Amino acid sequence: MAHVIGIDSSTTATKTVLVDAEGTVVGVASATYDAETPFPLWSEQHPDLWWEATQSSIRSVLGSSGVDPGDVTAVGLTGQMHGLTLLDESGTPLRKAILWNDQRTAAECDEIRERVGRDRLIGITGNDALTGFTAPKILWVRNHEPEVYARARHALLPKDYVRLRLTGKYATDRAGGGGTILFDHAARTWSEDILDALDIPREWMPPTFEGPEITGRVTATAAGATGLREGTPVVAGGGDQAANAVGTGAVDPGIVTASLGTSGVVFAATAEPTLDRNGSVHAFPHAVPERWHLMGVTLAAAGSLAWLRDTVAPDASFADLSAEADTVAPGSEGLVFLPYLSGERTPHPDPLARGAFIGLTVRHTRAHLVRAVMEGVAFSLRDVLEVMVEAGVPRPSQIRISGGGAQSAAWRQILADVLAAEIATVNTTEGAAFGAALLAAVGAGLQPTVAAAVDTWIRVVDTTPVGAAEQRYEGLYEIYRGLYPTLRDTMHALSRRD
């Protein structure tokens, strides 16, 4: 039987998913790695970590499943967005990659706005200049590491470095390309106007492809390293959020998804290149041909709960913490959490934003802290949703949820009540990697279109309706919304004293 592989090169691990022609996952393997923070606000990773983890996870999934490599008809790629991988003429990394959650480029964002003009930048790329995006990272290297910049000949996203090692080809998908803010949002390719304004060489940027298009084939060297068959097609795939949306069935307008991974995302597919003129939410091409999407991000979603667990309850499981949270009444007895542990992106593009518990009393226990974190993350996703509705996305009655945090029934109920929408889960749980595999199936001809593959492979299996706490959360959300404006100056003053 024909199979496809989806590979997700995330911030913490590379996951490889093996899927048969019916859409059934027959094997999953992953290999983990760490990021480095050599200075405050920095986040870096060596590109070879992704390639080593790719080799390991492919060999593991093929070995554990018993599937013949000759039955793998295509490979799809996805991974962390926005990271900058600078390569020399031979394709060798010149420095560690600067990752999506790196916050060092505030001055370069100002430089971009000055060179291009903020309104013009948003009008062309769909986005304002934010520290997480790729373009300000390129300018940072030029400003601070001119000897590295002088040797650079290629700029790739993380998953596209894996593509290079698999196929020997320089290429990127259009969903990921949009996240560089060097893209023409409507035209779905590199913007000559933006590249010229920023004085970034056009020849550094790879050719662009739609998600299901074949970008290259596995080389003999890569076949020997991974166990794949030489000549296996590798499709473009998509940035992790676009691929995750494909993997949960959000390929047509009207379906909204939310993910509770390290970061939190609200995602809505659109039929046209829609954008928010204020630049508060991101507007990128979708991994699906002739589709775009709006997306907002809170930088520490399940990551906030992981921080709390590691800090105050290192011996507790997430299931234990979720059960504790379920013993606390909605509102956590007046305790509110701001989840800005890594700065924030939507709707407050502020790398100096800080997390906070507001309203602590002697009555509050660990269970209250856990529930307040869950509620704070839900409020931050509500912030994202409100901006998207203002930009023209119809308010959803159902939101499809994915990510590690979605395993918590208590958190799903909190989200349903805070977002005032039914929360649905689907039959696939492998997220972006599964979406990459689905795109590979279309590229290999196992499915005629992405929409047809979604109809065949993906279905809703469980729903959490809006509960009785909806009205209580409406009032608490208004309090939450007022906290960032009140505390912003204090947060910035504390950051200056680091």
Protein backbone atom coordinates (compact mmCIF):
# COMPACT_ATOMS: atom_id res chain seq x y z
CA MET A 1 0.00 0.00 0.00
CA ALA A 2 1.14 3.52 -0.77
CA HIS A 3 2.19 5.68 2.18
CA VAL A 4 3.27 9.29 2.73
CA ILE A 5 5.46 10.90 5.35
CA GLY A 6 5.02 14.25 7.10
CA ILE A 7 8.00 15.80 8.90
CA ASP A 8 7.56 18.62 11.42
CA SER A 9 10.76 20.41 12.48
CA SER A 10 9.51 22.27 15.54
CA THR A 11 11.32 24.32 18.16
CA THR A 12 11.82 21.38 20.52
CA ALA A 13 11.70 18.23 18.36
CA THR A 14 11.36 16.80 14.90
CA LYS A 15 8.32 14.57 14.49
CA THR A 16 7.90 12.18 11.57
CA VAL A 17 4.45 10.75 10.84
CA LEU A 18 3.81 7.85 8.46
CA VAL A 19 0.29 7.77 6.96
CA ASP A 20 -1.32 5.26 4.61
CA ALA A 21 -3.46 6.09 1.58
CA GLU A 22 -6.64 5.98 3.69
CA GLY A 23 -5.36 8.66 6.04
CA THR A 24 -4.55 6.30 8.92
CA VAL A 25 -1.44 7.07 10.95
CA VAL A 26 0.64 3.88 11.01
CA GLY A 27 3.77 5.23 12.65
CA VAL A 28 5.06 8.21 14.64
CA ALA A 29 8.59 8.95 15.80
CA SER A 30 10.32 12.01 17.18
CA ALA A 31 13.74 13.21 18.24
CA THR A 32 14.20 16.13 20.62
CA TYR A 33 16.73 18.93 20.87
CA ASP A 34 17.21 22.17 22.78
CA ALA A 35 17.34 25.85 21.89
CA GLU A 36 19.97 28.20 23.31
CA THR A 37 19.49 31.60 24.95
CA PRO A 38 23.02 33.04 25.07
CA PHE A 39 21.68 36.50 26.00
CA PRO A 40 18.34 37.84 27.28
CA LEU A 41 15.69 37.86 24.51
CA TRP A 42 17.82 35.64 22.24
CA SER A 43 16.83 32.18 20.96
CA GLU A 44 19.06 30.15 18.65
CA GLN A 45 19.48 26.61 17.34
CA HIS A 46 22.08 24.93 15.14
CA PRO A 47 20.50 23.77 11.85
CA ASP A 48 22.29 20.43 11.99
CA LEU A 49 20.09 19.52 14.96
CA TRP A 50 17.07 19.48 12.64
CA TRP A 51 18.82 17.30 10.09
CA GLU A 52 20.12 14.85 12.70
CA ALA A 53 16.63 14.58 14.21
CA THR A 54 15.10 14.13 10.74
CA GLN A 55 17.40 11.22 9.97
CA SER A 56 16.72 9.60 13.33
CA SER A 57 12.95 9.98 13.25
CA ILE A 58 12.57 8.75 9.65
CA ARG A 59 14.65 5.65 10.34
CA SER A 60 12.71 5.04 13.55
CA VAL A 61 9.26 5.32 11.97
CA LEU A 62 10.20 3.11 9.03
CA GLY A 63 11.75 0.53 11.32
CA SER A 64 8.90 0.42 13.83
CA SER A 65 6.15 0.29 11.19
CA GLY A 66 7.78 -2.28 8.92
CA VAL A 67 6.75 -0.26 5.86
CA ASP A 68 9.04 -0.73 2.86
CA PRO A 69 10.70 2.59 1.92
CA GLY A 70 9.67 1.88 -1.64
CA ASP A 71 6.04 2.24 -0.56
CA VAL A 72 6.63 5.85 0.58
CA THR A 73 5.36 7.82 -2.39
CA ALA A 74 6.08 11.36 -1.13
CA VAL A 75 7.34 13.40 1.80
CA GLY A 76 5.83 16.66 3.09
CA LEU A 77 7.65 19.21 5.22
CA THR A 78 6.52 21.63 7.89
CA GLY A 79 8.14 23.31 10.85
CA GLN A 80 8.70 26.37 12.96
CA MET A 81 8.15 29.58 11.03
CA HIS A 82 10.18 32.80 10.73
CA GLY A 83 13.58 31.41 11.75
CA LEU A 84 16.62 32.66 9.82
CA THR A 85 19.13 30.11 8.52
CA LEU A 86 21.95 31.88 6.69
CA LEU A 87 24.10 29.72 4.38
CA ASP A 88 27.23 30.30 2.35
CA GLU A 89 27.68 29.48 -1.34
CA SER A 90 28.08 25.75 -0.59
CA GLY A 91 24.97 25.58 1.59
CA THR A 92 26.86 25.45 4.89
CA PRO A 93 25.30 27.34 7.84
CA LEU A 94 27.24 30.48 8.71
CA ARG A 95 25.85 30.79 12.24
CA LYS A 96 23.20 29.28 14.44
CA ALA A 97 19.66 29.92 13.25
CA ILE A 98 17.82 32.83 14.89
CA LEU A 99 14.43 31.44 15.88
CA TRP A 100 10.85 32.72 15.74
CA ASN A 101 10.76 33.48 19.48
CA ASP A 102 13.95 35.56 19.42
CA GLN A 103 13.22 39.14 20.45
CA ARG A 104 16.48 40.99 19.78
CA THR A 105 15.41 42.89 16.64
CA ALA A 106 13.28 45.79 17.92
CA ALA A 107 15.65 48.36 16.36
CA GLU A 108 15.60 46.52 13.03
CA CYS A 109 11.80 46.52 13.04
CA ASP A 110 11.92 50.30 13.39
CA GLU A 111 14.44 50.40 10.55
CA ILE A 112 12.09 48.41 8.31
CA ARG A 113 9.18 50.75 9.05
CA GLU A 114 11.39 53.74 8.30
CA ARG A 115 12.69 52.30 5.03
CA VAL A 116 9.35 51.00 3.72
CA GLY A 117 6.69 52.95 5.59
CA ARG A 118 4.43 51.09 8.00
CA ASP A 119 1.21 51.41 5.99
CA ARG A 120 2.99 50.41 2.76
CA LEU A 121 4.60 47.45 4.52
CA ILE A 122 1.25 46.17 5.79
CA GLY A 123 -0.38 46.82 2.43
CA ILE A 124 2.19 44.72 0.55
CA THR A 125 3.10 41.99 3.02
CA GLY A 126 -0.07 41.88 5.13
CA ASN A 127 1.96 42.43 8.29
CA ASP A 128 3.74 44.98 10.42
CA ALA A 129 7.42 44.46 11.26
CA LEU A 130 7.61 42.35 14.42
CA THR A 131 10.65 40.95 16.17
CA GLY A 132 9.69 37.35 15.45
CA PHE A 133 9.71 37.66 11.66
CA THR A 134 12.61 36.79 9.36
CA ALA A 135 13.32 40.12 7.65
CA PRO A 136 14.41 41.99 10.82
CA LYS A 137 16.72 39.06 11.62
CA ILE A 138 18.48 39.51 8.28
CA LEU A 139 18.96 43.20 9.04
CA TRP A 140 20.23 42.37 12.53
CA VAL A 141 22.96 40.15 11.09
CA ARG A 142 23.88 42.89 8.63
CA ASN A 143 24.04 45.47 11.44
CA HIS A 144 25.80 43.36 14.07
CA GLU A 145 27.68 40.59 12.26
CA PRO A 146 28.83 42.14 8.99
CA GLU A 147 31.48 39.46 8.44
CA VAL A 148 28.74 36.78 8.47
CA TYR A 149 26.47 38.86 6.26
CA ALA A 150 29.25 39.33 3.70
CA ARG A 151 29.60 35.56 3.27
CA ALA A 152 25.85 34.85 3.07
CA ARG A 153 24.38 33.61 -0.21
CA HIS A 154 21.16 31.88 0.87
CA ALA A 155 18.46 32.58 3.48
CA LEU A 156 16.24 29.62 4.39
CA LEU A 157 13.53 28.84 6.91
CA PRO A 158 14.27 25.91 9.26
CA LYS A 159 12.25 23.27 7.44
CA ASP A 160 13.76 24.40 4.13
CA TYR A 161 17.22 23.59 5.45
CA VAL A 162 15.88 20.06 6.01
CA ARG A 163 14.57 20.17 2.41
CA LEU A 164 18.03 21.17 1.19
CA ARG A 165 19.61 18.22 3.00
CA LEU A 166 16.96 15.84 1.64
CA THR A 167 16.91 17.02 -1.98
CA GLY A 168 19.84 19.34 -2.61
CA LYS A 169 17.28 21.97 -3.71
CA TYR A 170 16.69 25.49 -2.43
CA ALA A 171 12.93 26.03 -2.16
CA THR A 172 10.20 27.20 0.20
CA ASP A 173 6.44 26.99 0.51
CA ARG A 174 4.33 30.10 0.12
CA ALA A 175 2.74 29.94 3.56
CA GLY A 176 6.16 29.93 5.17
CA GLY A 177 7.46 32.55 2.78
CA GLY A 178 4.71 34.93 3.84
CA GLY A 179 6.05 34.75 7.39
CA THR A 180 9.31 36.38 6.38
CA ILE A 181 7.46 39.69 5.62
CA LEU A 182 9.44 39.78 2.39
CA PHE A 183 6.44 38.45 0.44
CA ASP A 184 3.83 40.16 -1.69
CA HIS A 185 0.77 38.89 0.15
CA ALA A 186 -1.61 39.02 -2.82
CA ALA A 187 0.87 37.78 -5.44
CA ARG A 188 2.10 34.92 -3.19
CA THR A 189 5.79 35.40 -3.96
CA TRP A 190 8.77 37.57 -3.05
CA SER A 191 8.16 41.30 -3.17
CA GLU A 192 10.77 43.06 -5.28
CA ASP A 193 9.66 46.36 -3.70
CA ILE A 194 10.32 45.15 -0.14
CA LEU A 195 13.61 43.43 -1.02
CA ASP A 196 14.81 46.57 -2.80
CA ALA A 197 13.74 48.87 0.03
CA LEU A 198 15.63 46.73 2.56
CA ASP A 199 18.58 46.14 0.23
CA ILE A 200 18.34 42.35 0.63
CA PRO A 201 19.70 40.42 -2.39
CA ARG A 202 16.91 38.77 -4.39
CA GLU A 203 19.18 35.84 -5.24
CA TRP A 204 19.31 34.87 -1.55
CA MET A 205 15.63 33.95 -1.57
CA PRO A 206 14.65 30.47 -2.83
CA PRO A 207 12.00 29.64 -5.45
CA THR A 208 8.47 29.41 -3.99
CA PHE A 209 5.88 26.63 -4.38
CA GLU A 210 2.32 25.86 -3.39
CA GLY A 211 1.95 23.37 -0.53
CA PRO A 212 1.27 20.20 -2.58
CA GLU A 213 3.82 20.95 -5.34
CA ILE A 214 6.92 18.79 -5.68
CA THR A 215 10.08 20.78 -4.92
CA GLY A 216 12.71 18.07 -5.35
CA ARG A 217 13.52 14.41 -4.80
CA VAL A 218 15.48 12.55 -2.17
CA THR A 219 19.13 12.33 -3.19
CA ALA A 220 21.29 9.22 -2.95
CA THR A 221 23.14 10.74 0.00
CA ALA A 222 19.92 11.56 1.84
CA ALA A 223 18.52 8.11 1.06
CA GLY A 224 21.56 6.54 2.70
CA ALA A 225 21.16 8.80 5.74
CA THR A 226 17.41 8.38 6.25
CA GLY A 227 16.45 5.00 4.79
CA LEU A 228 14.12 6.61 2.25
CA ARG A 229 14.23 5.52 -1.38
CA GLU A 230 16.34 7.68 -3.69
CA GLY A 231 14.06 9.75 -5.93
CA THR A 232 11.15 9.97 -3.47
CA PRO A 233 9.32 13.28 -4.16
CA VAL A 234 9.39 16.00 -1.49
CA VAL A 235 6.52 18.50 -1.64
CA ALA A 236 6.61 22.11 -0.46
CA GLY A 237 4.41 21.60 2.61
CA GLY A 238 3.77 24.63 4.78
CA GLY A 239 4.69 26.63 7.83
CA ASP A 240 3.64 24.84 11.00
CA GLN A 241 0.43 26.78 11.58
CA ALA A 242 -0.77 26.46 7.98
CA ALA A 243 0.09 22.75 7.98
CA ASN A 244 -1.63 22.30 11.33
CA ALA A 245 -4.73 23.94 9.87
CA VAL A 246 -4.61 21.50 6.95
CA GLY A 247 -4.24 18.67 9.48
CA THR A 248 -7.41 19.77 11.29
CA GLY A 249 -9.40 20.48 8.13
CA ALA A 250 -9.29 24.29 8.06
CA VAL A 251 -8.75 24.76 4.34
CA ASP A 252 -11.90 26.64 3.36
CA PRO A 253 -13.42 29.86 4.74
CA GLY A 254 -15.71 29.36 7.72
CA ILE A 255 -13.56 26.93 9.68
CA VAL A 256 -11.56 28.46 12.53
CA THR A 257 -8.90 26.57 14.47
CA ALA A 258 -6.98 27.20 17.65
CA SER A 259 -3.86 25.44 18.81
CA LEU A 260 -2.52 25.06 22.34
CA GLY A 261 1.12 24.26 21.81
CA THR A 262 4.09 26.08 23.29
CA SER A 263 2.51 29.13 21.69
CA GLY A 264 -1.20 29.59 21.07
CA VAL A 265 -2.71 30.38 17.69
CA VAL A 266 -6.11 31.28 16.28
CA PHE A 267 -6.31 30.61 12.54
CA ALA A 268 -8.98 31.35 9.91
CA ALA A 269 -8.79 30.45 6.22
CA THR A 270 -9.90 33.09 3.70
CA ALA A 271 -10.71 32.92 0.00
CA GLU A 272 -9.02 36.25 -0.73
CA PRO A 273 -5.88 38.03 0.51
CA THR A 274 -7.57 39.60 3.55
CA LEU A 275 -5.50 41.68 5.96
CA ASP A 276 -5.84 43.78 9.09
CA ARG A 277 -4.80 47.36 8.25
CA ASN A 278 -3.59 47.83 11.83
CA GLY A 279 -1.22 44.88 11.51
CA SER A 280 -2.51 43.37 14.76
CA VAL A 281 -2.99 39.90 13.27
CA HIS A 282 -0.86 38.15 10.67
CA ALA A 283 -1.99 37.70 7.07
CA PHE A 284 -0.19 34.97 5.10
CA PRO A 285 -0.83 32.72 2.10
CA HIS A 286 -2.25 29.34 3.11
CA ALA A 287 -0.53 26.04 2.34
CA VAL A 288 -3.55 25.41 0.10
CA PRO A 289 -3.50 26.86 -3.44
CA GLU A 290 -5.74 29.91 -3.90
CA ARG A 291 -6.31 30.27 -0.17
CA TRP A 292 -4.95 32.76 2.39
CA HIS A 293 -5.34 33.01 6.14
CA LEU A 294 -5.44 35.35 9.09
CA MET A 295 -3.61 34.24 12.20
CA GLY A 296 -2.96 35.65 15.65
CA VAL A 297 -0.43 34.36 18.15
CA THR A 298 0.02 34.39 21.89
CA LEU A 299 3.60 33.41 22.57
CA ALA A 300 3.18 31.35 25.76
CA ALA A 301 0.07 29.15 25.77
CA ALA A 302 0.71 25.57 26.89
CA GLY A 303 4.19 26.96 27.47
CA SER A 304 2.73 28.95 30.38
CA LEU A 305 1.38 25.79 31.99
CA ALA A 306 4.68 24.02 31.37
CA TRP A 307 6.48 26.89 33.12
CA LEU A 308 4.14 26.67 36.11
CA ARG A 309 4.51 22.90 36.35
CA ASP A 310 8.30 23.05 36.11
CA THR A 311 8.47 25.86 38.68
CA VAL A 312 6.02 24.86 41.40
CA ALA A 313 4.99 21.24 40.66
CA PRO A 314 7.84 19.42 38.87
CA ASP A 315 6.61 16.01 40.07
CA ALA A 316 3.03 16.49 38.86
CA SER A 317 1.72 15.38 35.49
CA PHE A 318 -0.25 17.74 33.28
CA ALA A 319 -3.24 15.43 33.78
CA ASP A 320 -2.90 15.88 37.55
CA LEU A 321 -2.77 19.67 37.18
CA SER A 322 -5.80 19.67 34.90
CA ALA A 323 -7.75 17.66 37.47
CA GLU A 324 -6.73 20.15 40.18
CA ALA A 325 -7.90 23.07 38.04
CA ASP A 326 -11.27 21.40 37.60
CA THR A 327 -11.86 21.62 41.38
CA VAL A 328 -11.70 25.43 41.28
CA ALA A 329 -14.71 27.55 40.31
CA PRO A 330 -14.53 29.64 37.11
CA GLY A 331 -12.67 32.87 37.80
CA SER A 332 -10.17 31.28 40.19
CA GLU A 333 -11.63 33.30 43.08
CA GLY A 334 -10.48 36.60 41.64
CA LEU A 335 -7.04 35.51 40.39
CA VAL A 336 -6.04 36.59 36.86
CA PHE A 337 -2.92 35.55 34.95
CA LEU A 338 -1.24 37.47 32.13
CA PRO A 339 0.59 34.88 29.94
CA TYR A 340 3.26 37.22 28.61
CA LEU A 341 6.19 35.05 29.74
CA SER A 342 7.96 35.46 26.38
CA GLY A 343 6.73 38.93 25.53
CA GLU A 344 3.63 39.05 23.35
CA ARG A 345 2.65 39.26 19.70
CA THR A 346 -1.15 39.58 19.29
CA PRO A 347 -2.74 42.01 19.95
CA HIS A 348 0.17 43.58 21.85
CA PRO A 349 3.33 43.32 19.70
CA ASP A 350 5.56 43.91 22.70
CA PRO A 351 8.76 41.93 23.34
CA LEU A 352 9.04 43.58 26.76
CA ALA A 353 5.61 42.49 28.01
CA ARG A 354 5.84 40.36 31.15
CA GLY A 355 3.70 37.72 32.79
CA ALA A 356 1.87 38.40 36.02
CA PHE A 357 -0.56 37.00 38.56
CA ILE A 358 -3.04 39.69 39.64
CA GLY A 359 -5.28 39.28 42.68
CA LEU A 360 -3.34 36.78 44.82
CA THR A 361 -4.63 36.19 48.35
CA VAL A 362 -3.87 33.69 51.09
CA ARG A 363 -6.88 31.64 49.93
CA HIS A 364 -5.23 30.78 46.63
CA THR A 365 -3.68 27.33 46.25
CA ARG A 366 -1.72 25.59 43.55
CA ALA A 367 -5.01 24.54 41.96
CA HIS A 368 -6.03 28.20 41.70
CA LEU A 369 -2.72 29.07 40.05
CA VAL A 370 -3.20 26.31 37.49
CA ARG A 371 -6.74 27.33 36.64
CA ALA A 372 -5.77 31.01 36.44
CA VAL A 373 -3.03 30.11 33.94
CA MET A 374 -5.52 28.16 31.81
CA GLU A 375 -8.00 31.03 31.96
CA GLY A 376 -5.33 33.64 31.19
CA VAL A 377 -4.26 31.76 28.08
CA ALA A 378 -7.93 31.48 27.03
CA PHE A 379 -8.35 35.24 27.51
CA SER A 380 -5.27 35.86 25.37
CA LEU A 381 -6.76 33.72 22.60
CA ARG A 382 -10.00 35.71 22.97
CA ASP A 383 -7.92 38.84 22.39
CA VAL A 384 -6.70 37.30 19.13
CA LEU A 385 -10.19 36.25 18.06
CA GLU A 386 -11.64 39.72 18.66
CA VAL A 387 -9.04 41.33 16.39
CA MET A 388 -9.74 38.78 13.67
CA VAL A 389 -13.48 39.43 13.89
CA GLU A 390 -12.79 43.16 13.56
CA ALA A 391 -10.76 42.37 10.42
CA GLY A 392 -13.76 40.67 8.84
CA VAL A 393 -13.68 37.03 9.95
CA PRO A 394 -17.23 35.94 10.87
CA ARG A 395 -17.50 35.13 14.59
CA PRO A 396 -17.32 31.32 14.73
CA SER A 397 -19.85 29.10 16.46
CA GLN A 398 -17.34 26.25 16.48
CA ILE A 399 -13.53 26.26 16.83
CA ARG A 400 -11.40 23.20 16.14
CA ILE A 401 -8.71 22.72 18.79
CA SER A 402 -5.34 20.98 18.60
CA GLY A 403 -2.02 20.85 20.43
CA GLY A 404 -0.90 19.31 23.69
CA GLY A 405 -3.07 21.58 25.83
CA ALA A 406 -6.17 20.35 24.01
CA GLN A 407 -5.87 17.01 25.83
CA SER A 408 -7.23 18.69 28.96
CA ALA A 409 -11.03 18.48 29.20
CA ALA A 410 -10.96 21.27 31.79
CA TRP A 411 -9.04 23.56 29.44
CA ARG A 412 -11.37 22.76 26.53
CA GLN A 413 -14.36 23.79 28.68
CA ILE A 414 -12.63 27.01 29.73
CA LEU A 415 -11.94 27.79 26.07
CA ALA A 416 -15.55 27.08 25.07
CA ASP A 417 -16.82 29.43 27.75
CA VAL A 418 -14.27 32.21 27.18
CA LEU A 419 -14.46 32.10 23.37
CA ALA A 420 -18.24 31.58 23.39
CA ALA A 421 -17.88 28.84 20.79
CA GLU A 422 -18.21 25.08 20.74
CA ILE A 423 -14.76 23.48 20.93
CA ALA A 424 -14.28 20.53 18.59
CA THR A 425 -11.56 17.92 18.30
CA VAL A 426 -10.88 15.89 15.17
CA ASN A 427 -9.77 12.32 14.59
CA THR A 428 -6.18 13.33 13.86
CA THR A 429 -3.88 14.33 16.69
CA GLU A 430 -0.54 14.73 14.92
CA GLY A 431 -1.18 18.33 13.91
CA ALA A 432 1.26 19.96 11.52
CA ALA A 433 3.07 16.71 10.65
CA PHE A 434 -0.23 15.14 9.60
CA GLY A 435 -1.05 18.22 7.52
CA ALA A 436 2.33 17.92 5.79
CA ALA A 437 1.58 14.26 5.07
CA LEU A 438 -1.81 15.21 3.61
CA LEU A 439 -0.15 17.74 1.30
CA ALA A 440 2.31 15.02 0.28
CA ALA A 441 -0.60 12.72 -0.57
CA VAL A 442 -2.00 15.35 -2.93
CA GLY A 443 1.44 15.91 -4.46
CA ALA A 444 1.83 12.15 -5.01
CA GLY A 445 -1.59 11.89 -6.69
CA LEU A 446 -3.15 9.79 -3.92
CA GLN A 447 -5.78 12.54 -3.52
CA PRO A 448 -6.94 14.95 -6.26
CA THR A 449 -7.06 18.12 -4.13
CA VAL A 450 -6.39 19.24 -0.58
CA ALA A 451 -10.12 19.74 0.00
CA ALA A 452 -10.86 16.20 -1.21
CA ALA A 453 -8.17 14.79 1.07
CA VAL A 454 -9.61 16.70 4.05
CA ASP A 455 -13.09 15.35 3.30
CA THR A 456 -11.72 11.81 3.17
CA TRP A 457 -9.24 11.87 6.03
CA ILE A 458 -10.54 14.30 8.68
CA ARG A 459 -13.73 14.33 10.77
CA VAL A 460 -14.90 15.88 14.04
CA VAL A 461 -15.01 13.26 16.82
CA ASP A 462 -15.83 15.23 19.97
CA THR A 463 -17.31 18.58 20.94
CA THR A 464 -17.38 20.67 24.12
CA PRO A 465 -20.40 23.03 24.20
CA VAL A 466 -20.45 26.48 25.71
CA GLY A 467 -21.24 26.14 29.41
CA ALA A 468 -22.80 28.09 32.22
CA ALA A 469 -19.62 30.07 32.93
CA GLU A 470 -19.81 32.06 29.68
CA GLN A 471 -21.38 35.17 31.26
CA ARG A 472 -19.00 35.13 34.23
CA TYR A 473 -16.06 35.01 31.86
CA GLU A 474 -17.41 37.96 29.87
CA GLY A 475 -16.96 40.18 32.91
CA LEU A 476 -13.55 38.74 33.77
CA TYR A 477 -12.39 39.20 30.19
CA GLU A 478 -13.10 42.93 30.40
CA ILE A 479 -10.94 43.09 33.53
CA TYR A 480 -8.21 41.09 31.75
CA ARG A 481 -8.27 43.44 28.76
CA GLY A 482 -7.56 46.41 30.99
CA LEU A 483 -4.49 44.91 32.67
CA TYR A 484 -1.92 45.22 29.88
CA PRO A 485 -2.54 48.97 29.26
CA THR A 486 -2.38 49.54 33.01
CA LEU A 487 0.84 47.57 33.54
CA ARG A 488 2.69 48.27 30.29
CA ASP A 489 4.90 51.06 31.62
CA THR A 490 5.75 49.02 34.70
CA MET A 491 6.65 46.00 32.56
CA HIS A 492 8.96 48.12 30.43
CA ALA A 493 10.57 49.75 33.48
CA LEU A 494 11.31 46.32 34.94
CA SER A 495 12.79 45.14 31.65
CA ARG A 496 15.17 48.10 31.58
CA ARG A 497 16.49 47.04 35.00
CA ASP A 498 17.42 43.49 33.87
